[in-house]
Structure formats: C-alpha cells, structure tokens
Amino acid sequence: MGRLNLTSLRKMKAEQNKIAMLTAYDASFSHTLEQSGVDVILVGDSLGMVIQGQESTLPVTVDDMVYHTQNVVRGSEKVFIIADMPFMSYANTEQAIQNAARLMAEGGAQMVKLEGGAVIADTVKQLTNRGIPVCAHLGLLPQSVHRLGGYRVQGRDDKDAKQLIDDAKSLQQAGADMLVIECIPADLAARVTAAVEIPVIGIGAGNSCDGQVLVLYDMLGITPGKRPRFSHDFLADTGAIPAAISKYVQDVKSGDFPQREQQY
C-alpha cells in the first residue's frame, strides 16, 4: 500500500477529516505512533531539547536530522514523514536545496519543513520546482526565539494577523504543500485555515485547523520543566503509551483536542 501521500492529506482537508501528527525521533516510537493511528510524523528539531538536552533547537545539525529521520523511516511503513530543516540550513537557496536533498535522499523524508513567512517564499519555490515538497511554518518560530523575545503568542494585533494571513498565501503560491501554525489565537488560525487550500496543522492554534501536532514528549508528560499550555498529558489519562497516543489521535479526529484551556 505504501505511505500516506500529499494527495491523501489534501483529500483529508477537503473532507474535513482531521490530520493527527506527532513528533518522533527513533524507530520504536515511530512504530508505536503508526500502530496507534497517527497520520503524519514530524522529525522535529525539537530533538535538540527533548533528546539532546539543549536549551533550544538552534544547535541541531543537518547530520542530526538525517540520522533521526533514517531511524523514524525504518520504524514505520505507512505514515507520512516530514523532517525539519534546522537553524541556518536554508540561509540561501543553494544551501537549502543541498540540505533538503540530503534529508530526502539520505534521511528518507517525504517533505521538509522550513520556518518563516514571505521572506522564504523564493526558497520554497526553488525547492518545490526541484520536486522537494515543503511544509511551511508560521506564528511562533522556535528558530527565531531570540529575535521574538522568547516563546510568546504571535499575531495578536490586526497588523500582525494580516501579515500572517498574507504570508500563508504567499507560501502557498510559492508551492508549499502544507503549513504548520504555532502559538497564535484560535480565531486567527481559523482564518488562516480558510484562506489557503493546503492542509494547515496547528500547535497551540485552536481546533479549527485541518489537524494538530504536538511534541511527543510533551503529550506524554515526560518533558523536563514546564509543559506548554497548549499541550496535554495524555499518558496521565490512560496509563500506557500506546493508549495515550491512540487517545490523542481519537481526540484530534473528533475535535475534542485542543480544548478551550489549550487555546489562545
């Protein structure tokens, strides 16, 4: 049967069938996520914090991402796999093409994810013109956390909200096939989701998106320190990891997650 593909994900948006996405970084969790009904795995540069113990995602390298993507691919057969492009790995078009090609050819990813708005539209266009599917990422951008002044909600005022919607349209026009929006008000997320034809996946962006993503370790309650407000400890509810992941999938599909207390 093969892996889920972009045609299937677009159909899920069109039919309002919610997309359940989680991060994973190794073969064992990849297998468990697939068996529990997850549609898409994001091999996130969040591994810098939850796997490597870094203070941010910034130290993660392309080699790190290739290695972890390979492991996730080996552990699964049907899920769609996206790999993050780490900090400064797409500073220019030539660099972006080279590193994205590595994540797909060596890592086995089906898509790469880049952070940024219209400023990276040309890079997105150059990648997609070469057959590299791109997931864009707007709102809170972890790789820009120092410039943003910390991990805070984005798009609260009218100017920023309009810019975010314009960025989403620009990225779609440049060829992006998917969009992640992070830490923005739920009403703005609903507007973004309606403004584009590509699937929109939310994290801390309300339940009007076409799907949801969380960092795996956050939704299992095993991330050191304070859990993000927009997450939920599904392991505490169920008592077993496979059951926790299945409950997450079920709640995303039904619209029961996120609840109002996990929205902005």
C-alpha atoms as a PDB file:
ATOM      1  CA  MET A   1       0.000   0.000   0.000  1.00  0.00           C
ATOM      2  CA  GLY A   2       2.890   2.395   0.720  1.00  0.00           C
ATOM      3  CA  ARG A   3       2.977   5.561   2.758  1.00  0.00           C
ATOM      4  CA  LEU A   4       0.296   8.208   3.061  1.00  0.00           C
ATOM      5  CA  ASN A   5       0.924  10.903   0.441  1.00  0.00           C
ATOM      6  CA  LEU A   6       0.122  14.544  -0.225  1.00  0.00           C
ATOM      7  CA  THR A   7      -2.914  13.666  -2.343  1.00  0.00           C
ATOM      8  CA  SER A   8      -4.376  11.803   0.644  1.00  0.00           C
ATOM      9  CA  LEU A   9      -3.640  14.705   3.007  1.00  0.00           C
ATOM     10  CA  ARG A  10      -5.287  17.234   0.667  1.00  0.00           C
ATOM     11  CA  LYS A  11      -8.318  14.944   0.460  1.00  0.00           C
ATOM     12  CA  MET A  12      -8.450  14.811   4.271  1.00  0.00           C
ATOM     13  CA  LYS A  13      -8.624  18.627   4.361  1.00  0.00           C
ATOM     14  CA  ALA A  14     -11.313  18.712   1.663  1.00  0.00           C
ATOM     15  CA  GLU A  15     -13.400  16.126   3.532  1.00  0.00           C
ATOM     16  CA  GLN A  16     -12.750  17.789   6.925  1.00  0.00           C
ATOM     17  CA  ASN A  17     -11.087  14.638   8.209  1.00  0.00           C
ATOM     18  CA  LYS A  18      -8.643  15.894  10.841  1.00  0.00           C
ATOM     19  CA  ILE A  19      -4.943  15.043  10.435  1.00  0.00           C
ATOM     20  CA  ALA A  20      -3.205  13.675  13.541  1.00  0.00           C
ATOM     21  CA  MET A  21       0.513  14.481  13.669  1.00  0.00           C
ATOM     22  CA  LEU A  22       3.129  13.919  16.369  1.00  0.00           C
ATOM     23  CA  THR A  23       6.893  14.236  16.547  1.00  0.00           C
ATOM     24  CA  ALA A  24       9.143  11.178  16.760  1.00  0.00           C
ATOM     25  CA  TYR A  25      12.899  10.711  16.677  1.00  0.00           C
ATOM     26  CA  ASP A  26      13.521   6.935  16.692  1.00  0.00           C
ATOM     27  CA  ALA A  27      12.300   3.652  15.239  1.00  0.00           C
ATOM     28  CA  SER A  28      10.494   2.346  18.331  1.00  0.00           C
ATOM     29  CA  PHE A  29       8.291   5.403  18.779  1.00  0.00           C
ATOM     30  CA  SER A  30       7.779   5.635  15.019  1.00  0.00           C
ATOM     31  CA  HIS A  31       6.355   2.101  15.034  1.00  0.00           C
ATOM     32  CA  THR A  32       4.167   2.829  18.071  1.00  0.00           C
ATOM     33  CA  LEU A  33       2.777   6.037  16.539  1.00  0.00           C
ATOM     34  CA  GLU A  34       1.912   4.244  13.316  1.00  0.00           C
ATOM     35  CA  GLN A  35       0.214   1.376  15.159  1.00  0.00           C
ATOM     36  CA  SER A  36      -1.770   3.909  17.197  1.00  0.00           C
ATOM     37  CA  GLY A  37      -3.238   5.626  14.142  1.00  0.00           C
ATOM     38  CA  VAL A  38      -1.049   8.725  13.699  1.00  0.00           C
ATOM     39  CA  ASP A  39      -1.195  10.038  10.113  1.00  0.00           C
ATOM     40  CA  VAL A  40       1.978  12.124   9.970  1.00  0.00           C
ATOM     41  CA  ILE A  41       5.258  12.040  11.879  1.00  0.00           C
ATOM     42  CA  LEU A  42       7.332  15.181  12.151  1.00  0.00           C
ATOM     43  CA  VAL A  43      11.001  14.505  12.841  1.00  0.00           C
ATOM     44  CA  GLY A  44      11.317  17.805  14.665  1.00  0.00           C
ATOM     45  CA  ASP A  45      14.403  19.808  15.510  1.00  0.00           C
ATOM     46  CA  SER A  46      12.729  19.779  18.935  1.00  0.00           C
ATOM     47  CA  LEU A  47      15.029  16.767  19.360  1.00  0.00           C
ATOM     48  CA  GLY A  48      17.631  19.348  20.361  1.00  0.00           C
ATOM     49  CA  MET A  49      15.769  19.899  23.616  1.00  0.00           C
ATOM     50  CA  VAL A  50      13.985  16.596  24.315  1.00  0.00           C
ATOM     51  CA  ILE A  51      16.719  14.216  23.093  1.00  0.00           C
ATOM     52  CA  GLN A  52      19.967  16.189  23.344  1.00  0.00           C
ATOM     53  CA  GLY A  53      19.160  18.347  26.370  1.00  0.00           C
ATOM     54  CA  GLN A  54      19.899  21.634  24.598  1.00  0.00           C
ATOM     55  CA  GLU A  55      18.305  24.905  25.716  1.00  0.00           C
ATOM     56  CA  SER A  56      16.813  25.496  22.245  1.00  0.00           C
ATOM     57  CA  THR A  57      16.580  23.957  18.772  1.00  0.00           C
ATOM     58  CA  LEU A  58      19.437  26.096  17.446  1.00  0.00           C
ATOM     59  CA  PRO A  59      22.382  23.663  17.950  1.00  0.00           C
ATOM     60  CA  VAL A  60      20.720  20.861  15.925  1.00  0.00           C
ATOM     61  CA  THR A  61      22.631  19.990  12.731  1.00  0.00           C
ATOM     62  CA  VAL A  62      21.611  18.578   9.363  1.00  0.00           C
ATOM     63  CA  ASP A  63      23.563  15.420  10.241  1.00  0.00           C
ATOM     64  CA  ASP A  64      21.433  15.072  13.395  1.00  0.00           C
ATOM     65  CA  MET A  65      18.264  15.423  11.355  1.00  0.00           C
ATOM     66  CA  VAL A  66      19.361  12.922   8.702  1.00  0.00           C
ATOM     67  CA  TYR A  67      20.236  10.354  11.394  1.00  0.00           C
ATOM     68  CA  HIS A  68      16.960  10.658  13.286  1.00  0.00           C
ATOM     69  CA  THR A  69      14.867  10.730  10.105  1.00  0.00           C
ATOM     70  CA  GLN A  70      16.506   7.485   8.962  1.00  0.00           C
ATOM     71  CA  ASN A  71      15.519   5.868  12.268  1.00  0.00           C
ATOM     72  CA  VAL A  72      11.916   7.046  12.042  1.00  0.00           C
ATOM     73  CA  VAL A  73      11.617   5.794   8.454  1.00  0.00           C
ATOM     74  CA  ARG A  74      12.927   2.354   9.451  1.00  0.00           C
ATOM     75  CA  GLY A  75      10.318   2.047  12.200  1.00  0.00           C
ATOM     76  CA  SER A  76       7.279   2.733  10.034  1.00  0.00           C
ATOM     77  CA  GLU A  77       5.648   1.770   6.754  1.00  0.00           C
ATOM     78  CA  LYS A  78       2.520   3.882   6.225  1.00  0.00           C
ATOM     79  CA  VAL A  79       2.836   7.255   7.971  1.00  0.00           C
ATOM     80  CA  PHE A  80       3.803  10.408   6.063  1.00  0.00           C
ATOM     81  CA  ILE A  81       7.183  11.680   7.290  1.00  0.00           C
ATOM     82  CA  ILE A  82       8.299  15.310   7.457  1.00  0.00           C
ATOM     83  CA  ALA A  83      11.801  16.385   8.514  1.00  0.00           C
ATOM     84  CA  ASP A  84      12.653  19.779   9.964  1.00  0.00           C
ATOM     85  CA  MET A  85      15.400  21.767   8.310  1.00  0.00           C
ATOM     86  CA  PRO A  86      17.491  23.041  11.226  1.00  0.00           C
ATOM     87  CA  PHE A  87      18.617  26.567  12.032  1.00  0.00           C
ATOM     88  CA  MET A  88      20.597  28.274   9.217  1.00  0.00           C
ATOM     89  CA  SER A  89      20.457  25.163   6.999  1.00  0.00           C
ATOM     90  CA  TYR A  90      18.485  27.175   4.392  1.00  0.00           C
ATOM     91  CA  ALA A  91      20.169  30.578   4.684  1.00  0.00           C
ATOM     92  CA  ASN A  92      20.440  30.729   0.896  1.00  0.00           C
ATOM     93  CA  THR A  93      18.792  28.833  -1.938  1.00  0.00           C
ATOM     94  CA  GLU A  94      21.780  26.696  -2.860  1.00  0.00           C
ATOM     95  CA  GLN A  95      22.271  25.631   0.745  1.00  0.00           C
ATOM     96  CA  ALA A  96      18.562  24.904   1.122  1.00  0.00           C
ATOM     97  CA  ILE A  97      18.486  22.676  -1.957  1.00  0.00           C
ATOM     98  CA  GLN A  98      21.576  20.748  -0.870  1.00  0.00           C
ATOM     99  CA  ASN A  99      20.368  20.149   2.693  1.00  0.00           C
ATOM    100  CA  ALA A 100      16.772  19.365   1.728  1.00  0.00           C
ATOM    101  CA  ALA A 101      18.052  16.842  -0.804  1.00  0.00           C
ATOM    102  CA  ARG A 102      20.059  15.145   1.955  1.00  0.00           C
ATOM    103  CA  LEU A 103      17.023  14.896   4.233  1.00  0.00           C
ATOM    104  CA  MET A 104      15.053  13.236   1.451  1.00  0.00           C
ATOM    105  CA  ALA A 105      17.713  11.113  -0.281  1.00  0.00           C
ATOM    106  CA  GLU A 106      19.690  10.042   2.812  1.00  0.00           C
ATOM    107  CA  GLY A 107      17.085  10.500   5.517  1.00  0.00           C
ATOM    108  CA  GLY A 108      14.089   9.204   3.592  1.00  0.00           C
ATOM    109  CA  ALA A 109      11.751  12.109   4.409  1.00  0.00           C
ATOM    110  CA  GLN A 110       8.783  12.793   2.110  1.00  0.00           C
ATOM    111  CA  MET A 111       8.756  16.522   2.896  1.00  0.00           C
ATOM    112  CA  VAL A 112      10.919  19.138   4.599  1.00  0.00           C
ATOM    113  CA  LYS A 113       9.727  21.902   6.937  1.00  0.00           C
ATOM    114  CA  LEU A 114      11.043  25.477   6.934  1.00  0.00           C
ATOM    115  CA  GLU A 115      10.275  28.331   9.322  1.00  0.00           C
ATOM    116  CA  GLY A 116       9.426  31.814   8.040  1.00  0.00           C
ATOM    117  CA  GLY A 117       6.982  33.911   6.059  1.00  0.00           C
ATOM    118  CA  ALA A 118       7.077  35.557   2.646  1.00  0.00           C
ATOM    119  CA  VAL A 119      10.813  36.175   3.080  1.00  0.00           C
ATOM    120  CA  ILE A 120      11.465  32.479   2.376  1.00  0.00           C
ATOM    121  CA  ALA A 121       8.930  32.224  -0.481  1.00  0.00           C
ATOM    122  CA  ASP A 122      11.657  32.189  -3.135  1.00  0.00           C
ATOM    123  CA  THR A 123      13.449  29.371  -1.313  1.00  0.00           C
ATOM    124  CA  VAL A 124      10.182  27.421  -1.143  1.00  0.00           C
ATOM    125  CA  LYS A 125       9.668  27.992  -4.862  1.00  0.00           C
ATOM    126  CA  GLN A 126      13.174  26.808  -5.728  1.00  0.00           C
ATOM    127  CA  LEU A 127      12.748  23.665  -3.626  1.00  0.00           C
ATOM    128  CA  THR A 128       9.312  22.749  -4.976  1.00  0.00           C
ATOM    129  CA  ASN A 129      10.435  23.419  -8.561  1.00  0.00           C
ATOM    130  CA  ARG A 130      13.013  20.684  -7.977  1.00  0.00           C
ATOM    131  CA  GLY A 131      10.456  18.192  -6.677  1.00  0.00           C
ATOM    132  CA  ILE A 132      11.072  18.732  -2.962  1.00  0.00           C
ATOM    133  CA  PRO A 133       7.741  19.066  -1.091  1.00  0.00           C
ATOM    134  CA  VAL A 134       7.734  21.827   1.535  1.00  0.00           C
ATOM    135  CA  CYS A 135       5.819  22.340   4.761  1.00  0.00           C
ATOM    136  CA  ALA A 136       5.946  25.985   5.844  1.00  0.00           C
ATOM    137  CA  HIS A 137       5.829  27.139   9.482  1.00  0.00           C
ATOM    138  CA  LEU A 138       4.325  30.436  10.692  1.00  0.00           C
ATOM    139  CA  GLY A 139       3.473  32.057  14.032  1.00  0.00           C
ATOM    140  CA  LEU A 140       5.914  31.269  16.816  1.00  0.00           C
ATOM    141  CA  LEU A 141       9.172  30.273  15.129  1.00  0.00           C
ATOM    142  CA  PRO A 142      11.406  28.368  17.584  1.00  0.00           C
ATOM    143  CA  GLN A 143      14.499  29.024  15.449  1.00  0.00           C
ATOM    144  CA  SER A 144      13.842  32.779  15.818  1.00  0.00           C
ATOM    145  CA  VAL A 145      13.117  32.646  19.549  1.00  0.00           C
ATOM    146  CA  HIS A 146      15.855  35.156  20.422  1.00  0.00           C
ATOM    147  CA  ARG A 147      14.573  37.714  17.908  1.00  0.00           C
ATOM    148  CA  LEU A 148      10.978  37.194  19.038  1.00  0.00           C
ATOM    149  CA  GLY A 149      11.970  37.794  22.662  1.00  0.00           C
ATOM    150  CA  GLY A 150      11.010  34.356  23.943  1.00  0.00           C
ATOM    151  CA  TYR A 151       8.245  31.825  23.465  1.00  0.00           C
ATOM    152  CA  ARG A 152       5.168  34.060  23.233  1.00  0.00           C
ATOM    153  CA  VAL A 153       1.892  34.127  21.330  1.00  0.00           C
ATOM    154  CA  GLN A 154       2.096  35.698  17.860  1.00  0.00           C
ATOM    155  CA  GLY A 155      -0.475  37.543  15.701  1.00  0.00           C
ATOM    156  CA  ARG A 156      -2.408  39.240  18.476  1.00  0.00           C
ATOM    157  CA  ASP A 157      -2.877  42.629  16.774  1.00  0.00           C
ATOM    158  CA  ASP A 158      -4.584  43.327  13.449  1.00  0.00           C
ATOM    159  CA  LYS A 159      -1.368  44.212  11.608  1.00  0.00           C
ATOM    160  CA  ASP A 160       0.416  41.024  12.643  1.00  0.00           C
ATOM    161  CA  ALA A 161      -2.696  38.938  11.917  1.00  0.00           C
ATOM    162  CA  LYS A 162      -2.979  40.348   8.398  1.00  0.00           C
ATOM    163  CA  GLN A 163       0.743  39.736   7.826  1.00  0.00           C
ATOM    164  CA  LEU A 164       0.382  36.124   8.896  1.00  0.00           C
ATOM    165  CA  ILE A 165      -2.516  35.502   6.514  1.00  0.00           C
ATOM    166  CA  ASP A 166      -0.623  37.219   3.685  1.00  0.00           C
ATOM    167  CA  ASP A 167       2.448  35.096   4.462  1.00  0.00           C
ATOM    168  CA  ALA A 168       0.366  31.908   4.337  1.00  0.00           C
ATOM    169  CA  LYS A 169      -0.995  32.860   0.907  1.00  0.00           C
ATOM    170  CA  SER A 170       2.487  33.783  -0.363  1.00  0.00           C
ATOM    171  CA  LEU A 171       3.938  30.462   0.787  1.00  0.00           C
ATOM    172  CA  GLN A 172       1.097  28.515  -0.850  1.00  0.00           C
ATOM    173  CA  GLN A 173       1.622  30.464  -4.070  1.00  0.00           C
ATOM    174  CA  ALA A 174       5.349  29.652  -3.890  1.00  0.00           C
ATOM    175  CA  GLY A 175       4.483  25.945  -3.824  1.00  0.00           C
ATOM    176  CA  ALA A 176       4.233  24.970  -0.153  1.00  0.00           C
ATOM    177  CA  ASP A 177       2.044  21.878   0.214  1.00  0.00           C
ATOM    178  CA  MET A 178       1.399  22.120   3.952  1.00  0.00           C
ATOM    179  CA  LEU A 179       1.525  24.709   6.725  1.00  0.00           C
ATOM    180  CA  VAL A 180       2.162  24.491  10.467  1.00  0.00           C
ATOM    181  CA  ILE A 181       0.951  27.436  12.563  1.00  0.00           C
ATOM    182  CA  GLU A 182       2.192  27.711  16.135  1.00  0.00           C
ATOM    183  CA  CYS A 183       1.013  29.735  19.151  1.00  0.00           C
ATOM    184  CA  ILE A 184      -1.486  32.073  17.512  1.00  0.00           C
ATOM    185  CA  PRO A 185      -5.048  32.996  18.601  1.00  0.00           C
ATOM    186  CA  ALA A 186      -7.646  30.375  17.669  1.00  0.00           C
ATOM    187  CA  ASP A 187      -9.769  32.826  15.660  1.00  0.00           C
ATOM    188  CA  LEU A 188      -6.754  33.833  13.550  1.00  0.00           C
ATOM    189  CA  ALA A 189      -5.868  30.172  12.990  1.00  0.00           C
ATOM    190  CA  ALA A 190      -9.397  29.579  11.674  1.00  0.00           C
ATOM    191  CA  ARG A 191      -8.962  32.472   9.228  1.00  0.00           C
ATOM    192  CA  VAL A 192      -5.594  31.152   8.017  1.00  0.00           C
ATOM    193  CA  THR A 193      -7.015  27.647   7.540  1.00  0.00           C
ATOM    194  CA  ALA A 194      -9.877  29.015   5.440  1.00  0.00           C
ATOM    195  CA  ALA A 195      -7.586  31.303   3.419  1.00  0.00           C
ATOM    196  CA  VAL A 196      -5.451  28.548   1.885  1.00  0.00           C
ATOM    197  CA  GLU A 197      -6.149  25.281   0.090  1.00  0.00           C
ATOM    198  CA  ILE A 198      -3.253  23.358   1.609  1.00  0.00           C
ATOM    199  CA  PRO A 199      -3.613  21.423   4.904  1.00  0.00           C
ATOM    200  CA  VAL A 200      -2.977  23.619   7.958  1.00  0.00           C
ATOM    201  CA  ILE A 201      -1.702  21.913  11.118  1.00  0.00           C
ATOM    202  CA  GLY A 202      -1.986  23.717  14.425  1.00  0.00           C
ATOM    203  CA  ILE A 203       0.093  23.633  17.601  1.00  0.00           C
ATOM    204  CA  GLY A 204      -1.315  25.987  20.181  1.00  0.00           C
ATOM    205  CA  ALA A 205      -3.608  27.382  17.481  1.00  0.00           C
ATOM    206  CA  GLY A 206      -7.088  26.151  18.360  1.00  0.00           C
ATOM    207  CA  ASN A 207      -9.132  23.304  16.916  1.00  0.00           C
ATOM    208  CA  SER A 208     -10.285  24.898  13.648  1.00  0.00           C
ATOM    209  CA  CYS A 209      -7.107  23.801  11.852  1.00  0.00           C
ATOM    210  CA  ASP A 210      -7.076  20.816   9.496  1.00  0.00           C
ATOM    211  CA  GLY A 211      -5.020  18.863  12.019  1.00  0.00           C
ATOM    212  CA  GLN A 212      -2.909  19.048  15.161  1.00  0.00           C
ATOM    213  CA  VAL A 213       0.700  18.371  16.094  1.00  0.00           C
ATOM    214  CA  LEU A 214       2.396  18.114  19.483  1.00  0.00           C
ATOM    215  CA  VAL A 215       5.879  17.255  20.629  1.00  0.00           C
ATOM    216  CA  LEU A 216       5.584  13.572  21.608  1.00  0.00           C
ATOM    217  CA  TYR A 217       7.338  14.016  24.933  1.00  0.00           C
ATOM    218  CA  ASP A 218       5.028  16.909  25.883  1.00  0.00           C
ATOM    219  CA  MET A 219       1.852  14.876  25.317  1.00  0.00           C
ATOM    220  CA  LEU A 220       3.341  12.008  27.320  1.00  0.00           C
ATOM    221  CA  GLY A 221       4.203  14.363  30.179  1.00  0.00           C
ATOM    222  CA  ILE A 222       7.893  13.441  30.214  1.00  0.00           C
ATOM    223  CA  THR A 223       9.459  16.706  29.015  1.00  0.00           C
ATOM    224  CA  PRO A 224      11.662  18.210  31.750  1.00  0.00           C
ATOM    225  CA  GLY A 225      10.389  21.527  33.089  1.00  0.00           C
ATOM    226  CA  LYS A 226       7.054  23.188  32.474  1.00  0.00           C
ATOM    227  CA  ARG A 227       4.760  21.628  29.855  1.00  0.00           C
ATOM    228  CA  PRO A 228       3.452  24.119  27.261  1.00  0.00           C
ATOM    229  CA  ARG A 229      -0.051  25.414  27.993  1.00  0.00           C
ATOM    230  CA  PHE A 230      -1.297  24.187  24.608  1.00  0.00           C
ATOM    231  CA  SER A 231      -0.272  20.583  25.308  1.00  0.00           C
ATOM    232  CA  HIS A 232      -1.983  17.910  27.404  1.00  0.00           C
ATOM    233  CA  ASP A 233      -0.664  14.892  29.332  1.00  0.00           C
ATOM    234  CA  PHE A 234      -2.453  12.021  27.607  1.00  0.00           C
ATOM    235  CA  LEU A 235      -0.335   9.436  29.431  1.00  0.00           C
ATOM    236  CA  ALA A 236      -1.739  10.581  32.772  1.00  0.00           C
ATOM    237  CA  ASP A 237      -5.240   9.974  31.386  1.00  0.00           C
ATOM    238  CA  THR A 238      -4.581   6.478  30.052  1.00  0.00           C
ATOM    239  CA  GLY A 239      -1.643   4.924  31.938  1.00  0.00           C
ATOM    240  CA  ALA A 240       0.066   3.408  28.877  1.00  0.00           C
ATOM    241  CA  ILE A 241       1.985   4.942  25.986  1.00  0.00           C
ATOM    242  CA  PRO A 242       0.116   3.225  23.087  1.00  0.00           C
ATOM    243  CA  ALA A 243      -3.220   4.077  24.722  1.00  0.00           C
ATOM    244  CA  ALA A 244      -2.112   7.685  25.250  1.00  0.00           C
ATOM    245  CA  ILE A 245      -1.207   8.083  21.587  1.00  0.00           C
ATOM    246  CA  SER A 246      -4.445   6.421  20.462  1.00  0.00           C
ATOM    247  CA  LYS A 247      -6.410   8.797  22.728  1.00  0.00           C
ATOM    248  CA  TYR A 248      -4.583  11.773  21.216  1.00  0.00           C
ATOM    249  CA  VAL A 249      -5.463  10.587  17.709  1.00  0.00           C
ATOM    250  CA  GLN A 250      -9.078   9.989  18.707  1.00  0.00           C
ATOM    251  CA  ASP A 251      -9.390  13.435  20.325  1.00  0.00           C
ATOM    252  CA  VAL A 252      -7.807  15.214  17.348  1.00  0.00           C
ATOM    253  CA  LYS A 253     -10.089  13.404  14.897  1.00  0.00           C
ATOM    254  CA  SER A 254     -13.217  14.167  16.923  1.00  0.00           C
ATOM    255  CA  GLY A 255     -12.265  17.776  17.595  1.00  0.00           C
ATOM    256  CA  ASP A 256     -12.058  17.171  21.370  1.00  0.00           C
ATOM    257  CA  PHE A 257      -8.432  18.321  21.358  1.00  0.00           C
ATOM    258  CA  PRO A 258      -7.493  21.048  21.858  1.00  0.00           C
ATOM    259  CA  GLN A 259      -9.997  22.215  24.474  1.00  0.00           C
ATOM    260  CA  ARG A 260     -10.575  25.895  25.270  1.00  0.00           C
ATOM    261  CA  GLU A 261      -7.925  25.885  28.015  1.00  0.00           C
ATOM    262  CA  GLN A 262      -5.316  24.840  25.450  1.00  0.00           C
ATOM    263  CA  GLN A 263      -6.144  27.740  23.118  1.00  0.00           C
ATOM    264  CA  TYR A 264      -5.236  31.416  22.955  1.00  0.00           C
END
